[in-house]
Amino acid sequence: MKKISVSLSGHQTSVSLEDEFVIALREIAKRRQMSVAALIAEIDDTRKLGDNLSSTIRVWILNYFRQ
């Protein structure tokens, strides 16, 4: 597990993800020519109220590679 710290809407937060998801997140950010923090912020914007950010990121990554 790796902890990633980012600023979302002006608030510091951190997410814990398995190494494989961190690698995938970095790969997607690189493909899209953006920072990992910017990608996490974009994913966060899609999150439903009450959903866990780490889980939302995992599902988003899964859906990204399914497309």
PDB file of N, CA and C in Angstrom:
ATOM      1  N   MET A   1       0.849  -1.182   0.000  1.00  0.00           N
ATOM      2  CA  MET A   1       0.000   0.000   0.000  1.00  0.00           C
ATOM      3  C   MET A   1       0.889   1.238   0.000  1.00  0.00           C
ATOM      4  N   LYS A   2       0.447   2.207  -0.774  1.00  0.00           N
ATOM      5  CA  LYS A   2       1.142   3.492  -0.803  1.00  0.00           C
ATOM      6  C   LYS A   2       0.141   4.579  -0.477  1.00  0.00           C
ATOM      7  N   LYS A   3       0.614   5.578   0.222  1.00  0.00           N
ATOM      8  CA  LYS A   3      -0.215   6.720   0.557  1.00  0.00           C
ATOM      9  C   LYS A   3       0.163   7.864  -0.371  1.00  0.00           C
ATOM     10  N   ILE A   4      -0.836   8.461  -1.014  1.00  0.00           N
ATOM     11  CA  ILE A   4      -0.629   9.602  -1.898  1.00  0.00           C
ATOM     12  C   ILE A   4      -1.318  10.794  -1.264  1.00  0.00           C
ATOM     13  N   SER A   5      -0.587  11.883  -1.072  1.00  0.00           N
ATOM     14  CA  SER A   5      -1.164  13.106  -0.515  1.00  0.00           C
ATOM     15  C   SER A   5      -1.381  14.114  -1.621  1.00  0.00           C
ATOM     16  N   VAL A   6      -2.574  14.713  -1.645  1.00  0.00           N
ATOM     17  CA  VAL A   6      -2.920  15.709  -2.648  1.00  0.00           C
ATOM     18  C   VAL A   6      -3.787  16.787  -2.009  1.00  0.00           C
ATOM     19  N   SER A   7      -3.868  17.911  -2.696  1.00  0.00           N
ATOM     20  CA  SER A   7      -4.749  18.988  -2.283  1.00  0.00           C
ATOM     21  C   SER A   7      -5.977  18.967  -3.180  1.00  0.00           C
ATOM     22  N   LEU A   8      -7.147  18.810  -2.584  1.00  0.00           N
ATOM     23  CA  LEU A   8      -8.403  18.796  -3.328  1.00  0.00           C
ATOM     24  C   LEU A   8      -9.287  19.919  -2.811  1.00  0.00           C
ATOM     25  N   SER A   9      -9.627  20.824  -3.688  1.00  0.00           N
ATOM     26  CA  SER A   9     -10.462  21.973  -3.318  1.00  0.00           C
ATOM     27  C   SER A   9      -9.859  22.732  -2.147  1.00  0.00           C
ATOM     28  N   GLY A  10      -8.539  22.842  -2.151  1.00  0.00           N
ATOM     29  CA  GLY A  10      -7.847  23.596  -1.111  1.00  0.00           C
ATOM     30  C   GLY A  10      -7.641  22.858   0.196  1.00  0.00           C
ATOM     31  N   HIS A  11      -8.014  21.596   0.265  1.00  0.00           N
ATOM     32  CA  HIS A  11      -7.852  20.798   1.490  1.00  0.00           C
ATOM     33  C   HIS A  11      -6.892  19.652   1.223  1.00  0.00           C
ATOM     34  N   GLN A  12      -5.936  19.449   2.113  1.00  0.00           N
ATOM     35  CA  GLN A  12      -5.003  18.319   1.999  1.00  0.00           C
ATOM     36  C   GLN A  12      -5.739  17.037   2.351  1.00  0.00           C
ATOM     37  N   THR A  13      -5.538  16.032   1.549  1.00  0.00           N
ATOM     38  CA  THR A  13      -6.102  14.721   1.826  1.00  0.00           C
ATOM     39  C   THR A  13      -5.123  13.670   1.337  1.00  0.00           C
ATOM     40  N   SER A  14      -5.295  12.470   1.796  1.00  0.00           N
ATOM     41  CA  SER A  14      -4.432  11.389   1.323  1.00  0.00           C
ATOM     42  C   SER A  14      -5.284  10.160   1.051  1.00  0.00           C
ATOM     43  N   VAL A  15      -4.816   9.377   0.098  1.00  0.00           N
ATOM     44  CA  VAL A  15      -5.478   8.120  -0.236  1.00  0.00           C
ATOM     45  C   VAL A  15      -4.449   7.010  -0.165  1.00  0.00           C
ATOM     46  N   SER A  16      -4.894   5.857   0.268  1.00  0.00           N
ATOM     47  CA  SER A  16      -4.032   4.680   0.305  1.00  0.00           C
ATOM     48  C   SER A  16      -4.484   3.733  -0.787  1.00  0.00           C
ATOM     49  N   LEU A  17      -3.531   3.370  -1.649  1.00  0.00           N
ATOM     50  CA  LEU A  17      -3.822   2.474  -2.759  1.00  0.00           C
ATOM     51  C   LEU A  17      -2.756   1.392  -2.845  1.00  0.00           C
ATOM     52  N   GLU A  18      -3.148   0.234  -3.324  1.00  0.00           N
ATOM     53  CA  GLU A  18      -2.198  -0.831  -3.581  1.00  0.00           C
ATOM     54  C   GLU A  18      -1.213  -0.366  -4.651  1.00  0.00           C
ATOM     55  N   ASP A  19      -0.002  -0.905  -4.600  1.00  0.00           N
ATOM     56  CA  ASP A  19       1.051  -0.491  -5.535  1.00  0.00           C
ATOM     57  C   ASP A  19       0.599  -0.571  -6.994  1.00  0.00           C
ATOM     58  N   GLU A  20      -0.145  -1.605  -7.335  1.00  0.00           N
ATOM     59  CA  GLU A  20      -0.594  -1.782  -8.720  1.00  0.00           C
ATOM     60  C   GLU A  20      -1.493  -0.631  -9.171  1.00  0.00           C
ATOM     61  N   PHE A  21      -2.334  -0.143  -8.271  1.00  0.00           N
ATOM     62  CA  PHE A  21      -3.208   0.976  -8.618  1.00  0.00           C
ATOM     63  C   PHE A  21      -2.421   2.277  -8.723  1.00  0.00           C
ATOM     64  N   VAL A  22      -1.409   2.434  -7.899  1.00  0.00           N
ATOM     65  CA  VAL A  22      -0.558   3.630  -7.995  1.00  0.00           C
ATOM     66  C   VAL A  22       0.170   3.633  -9.337  1.00  0.00           C
ATOM     67  N   ILE A  23       0.686   2.485  -9.737  1.00  0.00           N
ATOM     68  CA  ILE A  23       1.366   2.364 -11.030  1.00  0.00           C
ATOM     69  C   ILE A  23       0.393   2.698 -12.163  1.00  0.00           C
ATOM     70  N   ALA A  24      -0.815   2.153 -12.098  1.00  0.00           N
ATOM     71  CA  ALA A  24      -1.821   2.420 -13.129  1.00  0.00           C
ATOM     72  C   ALA A  24      -2.202   3.894 -13.156  1.00  0.00           C
ATOM     73  N   LEU A  25      -2.352   4.505 -11.994  1.00  0.00           N
ATOM     74  CA  LEU A  25      -2.692   5.924 -11.908  1.00  0.00           C
ATOM     75  C   LEU A  25      -1.612   6.778 -12.558  1.00  0.00           C
ATOM     76  N   ARG A  26      -0.366   6.455 -12.283  1.00  0.00           N
ATOM     77  CA  ARG A  26       0.749   7.192 -12.897  1.00  0.00           C
ATOM     78  C   ARG A  26       0.778   6.996 -14.410  1.00  0.00           C
ATOM     79  N   GLU A  27       0.504   5.790 -14.857  1.00  0.00           N
ATOM     80  CA  GLU A  27       0.491   5.505 -16.295  1.00  0.00           C
ATOM     81  C   GLU A  27      -0.605   6.310 -17.001  1.00  0.00           C
ATOM     82  N   ILE A  28      -1.787   6.327 -16.417  1.00  0.00           N
ATOM     83  CA  ILE A  28      -2.896   7.077 -17.011  1.00  0.00           C
ATOM     84  C   ILE A  28      -2.581   8.568 -17.034  1.00  0.00           C
ATOM     85  N   ALA A  29      -2.044   9.087 -15.948  1.00  0.00           N
ATOM     86  CA  ALA A  29      -1.689  10.509 -15.896  1.00  0.00           C
ATOM     87  C   ALA A  29      -0.663  10.842 -16.976  1.00  0.00           C
ATOM     88  N   LYS A  30       0.300   9.974 -17.156  1.00  0.00           N
ATOM     89  CA  LYS A  30       1.323  10.199 -18.184  1.00  0.00           C
ATOM     90  C   LYS A  30       0.698  10.187 -19.573  1.00  0.00           C
ATOM     91  N   ARG A  31      -0.168   9.211 -19.835  1.00  0.00           N
ATOM     92  CA  ARG A  31      -0.846   9.130 -21.135  1.00  0.00           C
ATOM     93  C   ARG A  31      -1.654  10.392 -21.418  1.00  0.00           C
ATOM     94  N   ARG A  32      -2.242  10.944 -20.368  1.00  0.00           N
ATOM     95  CA  ARG A  32      -3.099  12.121 -20.525  1.00  0.00           C
ATOM     96  C   ARG A  32      -2.332  13.422 -20.345  1.00  0.00           C
ATOM     97  N   GLN A  33      -1.023  13.299 -20.151  1.00  0.00           N
ATOM     98  CA  GLN A  33      -0.129  14.449 -19.993  1.00  0.00           C
ATOM     99  C   GLN A  33      -0.614  15.394 -18.889  1.00  0.00           C
ATOM    100  N   MET A  34      -0.808  14.810 -17.720  1.00  0.00           N
ATOM    101  CA  MET A  34      -1.230  15.582 -16.560  1.00  0.00           C
ATOM    102  C   MET A  34      -0.583  14.993 -15.314  1.00  0.00           C
ATOM    103  N   SER A  35      -0.617  15.737 -14.246  1.00  0.00           N
ATOM    104  CA  SER A  35      -0.045  15.243 -12.998  1.00  0.00           C
ATOM    105  C   SER A  35      -1.002  14.240 -12.351  1.00  0.00           C
ATOM    106  N   VAL A  36      -0.461  13.414 -11.476  1.00  0.00           N
ATOM    107  CA  VAL A  36      -1.287  12.464 -10.734  1.00  0.00           C
ATOM    108  C   VAL A  36      -2.287  13.228  -9.874  1.00  0.00           C
ATOM    109  N   ALA A  37      -1.846  14.338  -9.280  1.00  0.00           N
ATOM    110  CA  ALA A  37      -2.743  15.147  -8.441  1.00  0.00           C
ATOM    111  C   ALA A  37      -3.913  15.687  -9.260  1.00  0.00           C
ATOM    112  N   ALA A  38      -3.638  16.148 -10.480  1.00  0.00           N
ATOM    113  CA  ALA A  38      -4.711  16.666 -11.335  1.00  0.00           C
ATOM    114  C   ALA A  38      -5.681  15.552 -11.716  1.00  0.00           C
ATOM    115  N   LEU A  39      -5.154  14.365 -11.976  1.00  0.00           N
ATOM    116  CA  LEU A  39      -6.004  13.229 -12.311  1.00  0.00           C
ATOM    117  C   LEU A  39      -6.876  12.842 -11.123  1.00  0.00           C
ATOM    118  N   ILE A  40      -6.297  12.816  -9.940  1.00  0.00           N
ATOM    119  CA  ILE A  40      -7.080  12.493  -8.743  1.00  0.00           C
ATOM    120  C   ILE A  40      -8.175  13.540  -8.531  1.00  0.00           C
ATOM    121  N   ALA A  41      -7.854  14.808  -8.766  1.00  0.00           N
ATOM    122  CA  ALA A  41      -8.863  15.867  -8.632  1.00  0.00           C
ATOM    123  C   ALA A  41      -9.999  15.647  -9.631  1.00  0.00           C
ATOM    124  N   GLU A  42      -9.663  15.239 -10.856  1.00  0.00           N
ATOM    125  CA  GLU A  42     -10.679  14.966 -11.876  1.00  0.00           C
ATOM    126  C   GLU A  42     -11.552  13.791 -11.452  1.00  0.00           C
ATOM    127  N   ILE A  43     -10.927  12.751 -10.937  1.00  0.00           N
ATOM    128  CA  ILE A  43     -11.676  11.584 -10.464  1.00  0.00           C
ATOM    129  C   ILE A  43     -12.563  11.982  -9.288  1.00  0.00           C
ATOM    130  N   ASP A  44     -12.038  12.798  -8.400  1.00  0.00           N
ATOM    131  CA  ASP A  44     -12.793  13.255  -7.234  1.00  0.00           C
ATOM    132  C   ASP A  44     -14.056  14.004  -7.657  1.00  0.00           C
ATOM    133  N   ASP A  45     -13.972  14.745  -8.749  1.00  0.00           N
ATOM    134  CA  ASP A  45     -15.140  15.491  -9.242  1.00  0.00           C
ATOM    135  C   ASP A  45     -16.272  14.571  -9.672  1.00  0.00           C
ATOM    136  N   THR A  46     -15.965  13.301  -9.969  1.00  0.00           N
ATOM    137  CA  THR A  46     -16.992  12.346 -10.392  1.00  0.00           C
ATOM    138  C   THR A  46     -17.567  11.561  -9.212  1.00  0.00           C
ATOM    139  N   ARG A  47     -16.960  11.734  -8.062  1.00  0.00           N
ATOM    140  CA  ARG A  47     -17.337  10.931  -6.885  1.00  0.00           C
ATOM    141  C   ARG A  47     -18.702  11.338  -6.356  1.00  0.00           C
ATOM    142  N   LYS A  48     -19.504  10.344  -6.016  1.00  0.00           N
ATOM    143  CA  LYS A  48     -20.810  10.589  -5.411  1.00  0.00           C
ATOM    144  C   LYS A  48     -20.622  10.908  -3.926  1.00  0.00           C
ATOM    145  N   LEU A  49     -21.488  11.743  -3.414  1.00  0.00           N
ATOM    146  CA  LEU A  49     -21.433  12.134  -2.005  1.00  0.00           C
ATOM    147  C   LEU A  49     -21.435  10.893  -1.116  1.00  0.00           C
ATOM    148  N   GLY A  50     -20.476  10.822  -0.229  1.00  0.00           N
ATOM    149  CA  GLY A  50     -20.393   9.704   0.702  1.00  0.00           C
ATOM    150  C   GLY A  50     -19.514   8.558   0.241  1.00  0.00           C
ATOM    151  N   ASP A  51     -19.147   8.544  -1.044  1.00  0.00           N
ATOM    152  CA  ASP A  51     -18.270   7.480  -1.542  1.00  0.00           C
ATOM    153  C   ASP A  51     -16.830   7.707  -1.100  1.00  0.00           C
ATOM    154  N   ASN A  52     -16.141   6.640  -0.834  1.00  0.00           N
ATOM    155  CA  ASN A  52     -14.746   6.684  -0.420  1.00  0.00           C
ATOM    156  C   ASN A  52     -13.867   7.019  -1.627  1.00  0.00           C
ATOM    157  N   LEU A  53     -12.946   7.969  -1.460  1.00  0.00           N
ATOM    158  CA  LEU A  53     -12.107   8.396  -2.576  1.00  0.00           C
ATOM    159  C   LEU A  53     -11.215   7.273  -3.084  1.00  0.00           C
ATOM    160  N   SER A  54     -10.601   6.516  -2.202  1.00  0.00           N
ATOM    161  CA  SER A  54      -9.737   5.409  -2.635  1.00  0.00           C
ATOM    162  C   SER A  54     -10.519   4.400  -3.478  1.00  0.00           C
ATOM    163  N   SER A  55     -11.709   4.061  -3.045  1.00  0.00           N
ATOM    164  CA  SER A  55     -12.544   3.118  -3.798  1.00  0.00           C
ATOM    165  C   SER A  55     -12.956   3.704  -5.135  1.00  0.00           C
ATOM    166  N   THR A  56     -13.299   4.983  -5.141  1.00  0.00           N
ATOM    167  CA  THR A  56     -13.679   5.650  -6.382  1.00  0.00           C
ATOM    168  C   THR A  56     -12.526   5.619  -7.382  1.00  0.00           C
ATOM    169  N   ILE A  57     -11.309   5.838  -6.906  1.00  0.00           N
ATOM    170  CA  ILE A  57     -10.131   5.804  -7.777  1.00  0.00           C
ATOM    171  C   ILE A  57      -9.937   4.400  -8.349  1.00  0.00           C
ATOM    172  N   ARG A  58     -10.059   3.382  -7.513  1.00  0.00           N
ATOM    173  CA  ARG A  58      -9.888   2.006  -7.985  1.00  0.00           C
ATOM    174  C   ARG A  58     -10.893   1.663  -9.089  1.00  0.00           C
ATOM    175  N   VAL A  59     -12.156   2.003  -8.867  1.00  0.00           N
ATOM    176  CA  VAL A  59     -13.198   1.716  -9.851  1.00  0.00           C
ATOM    177  C   VAL A  59     -12.961   2.524 -11.122  1.00  0.00           C
ATOM    178  N   TRP A  60     -12.552   3.775 -10.994  1.00  0.00           N
ATOM    179  CA  TRP A  60     -12.279   4.623 -12.158  1.00  0.00           C
ATOM    180  C   TRP A  60     -11.164   4.014 -13.000  1.00  0.00           C
ATOM    181  N   ILE A  61     -10.095   3.549 -12.348  1.00  0.00           N
ATOM    182  CA  ILE A  61      -8.980   2.919 -13.063  1.00  0.00           C
ATOM    183  C   ILE A  61      -9.458   1.655 -13.774  1.00  0.00           C
ATOM    184  N   LEU A  62     -10.230   0.836 -13.090  1.00  0.00           N
ATOM    185  CA  LEU A  62     -10.764  -0.375 -13.704  1.00  0.00           C
ATOM    186  C   LEU A  62     -11.563  -0.033 -14.956  1.00  0.00           C
ATOM    187  N   ASN A  63     -12.446   0.940 -14.858  1.00  0.00           N
ATOM    188  CA  ASN A  63     -13.269   1.342 -16.004  1.00  0.00           C
ATOM    189  C   ASN A  63     -12.415   1.936 -17.126  1.00  0.00           C
ATOM    190  N   TYR A  64     -11.357   2.656 -16.776  1.00  0.00           N
ATOM    191  CA  TYR A  64     -10.464   3.233 -17.779  1.00  0.00           C
ATOM    192  C   TYR A  64      -9.868   2.127 -18.651  1.00  0.00           C
ATOM    193  N   PHE A  65      -9.378   1.070 -18.025  1.00  0.00           N
ATOM    194  CA  PHE A  65      -8.741   0.002 -18.782  1.00  0.00           C
ATOM    195  C   PHE A  65      -9.749  -0.943 -19.448  1.00  0.00           C
ATOM    196  N   ARG A  66     -10.988  -0.917 -19.022  1.00  0.00           N
ATOM    197  CA  ARG A  66     -12.019  -1.718 -19.669  1.00  0.00           C
ATOM    198  C   ARG A  66     -12.458  -1.105 -20.990  1.00  0.00           C
ATOM    199  N   GLN A  67     -12.302   0.206 -21.124  1.00  0.00           N
ATOM    200  CA  GLN A  67     -12.772   0.911 -22.329  1.00  0.00           C
ATOM    201  C   GLN A  67     -11.882   0.659 -23.503  1.00  0.00           C
TER     202      GLN A  67
END
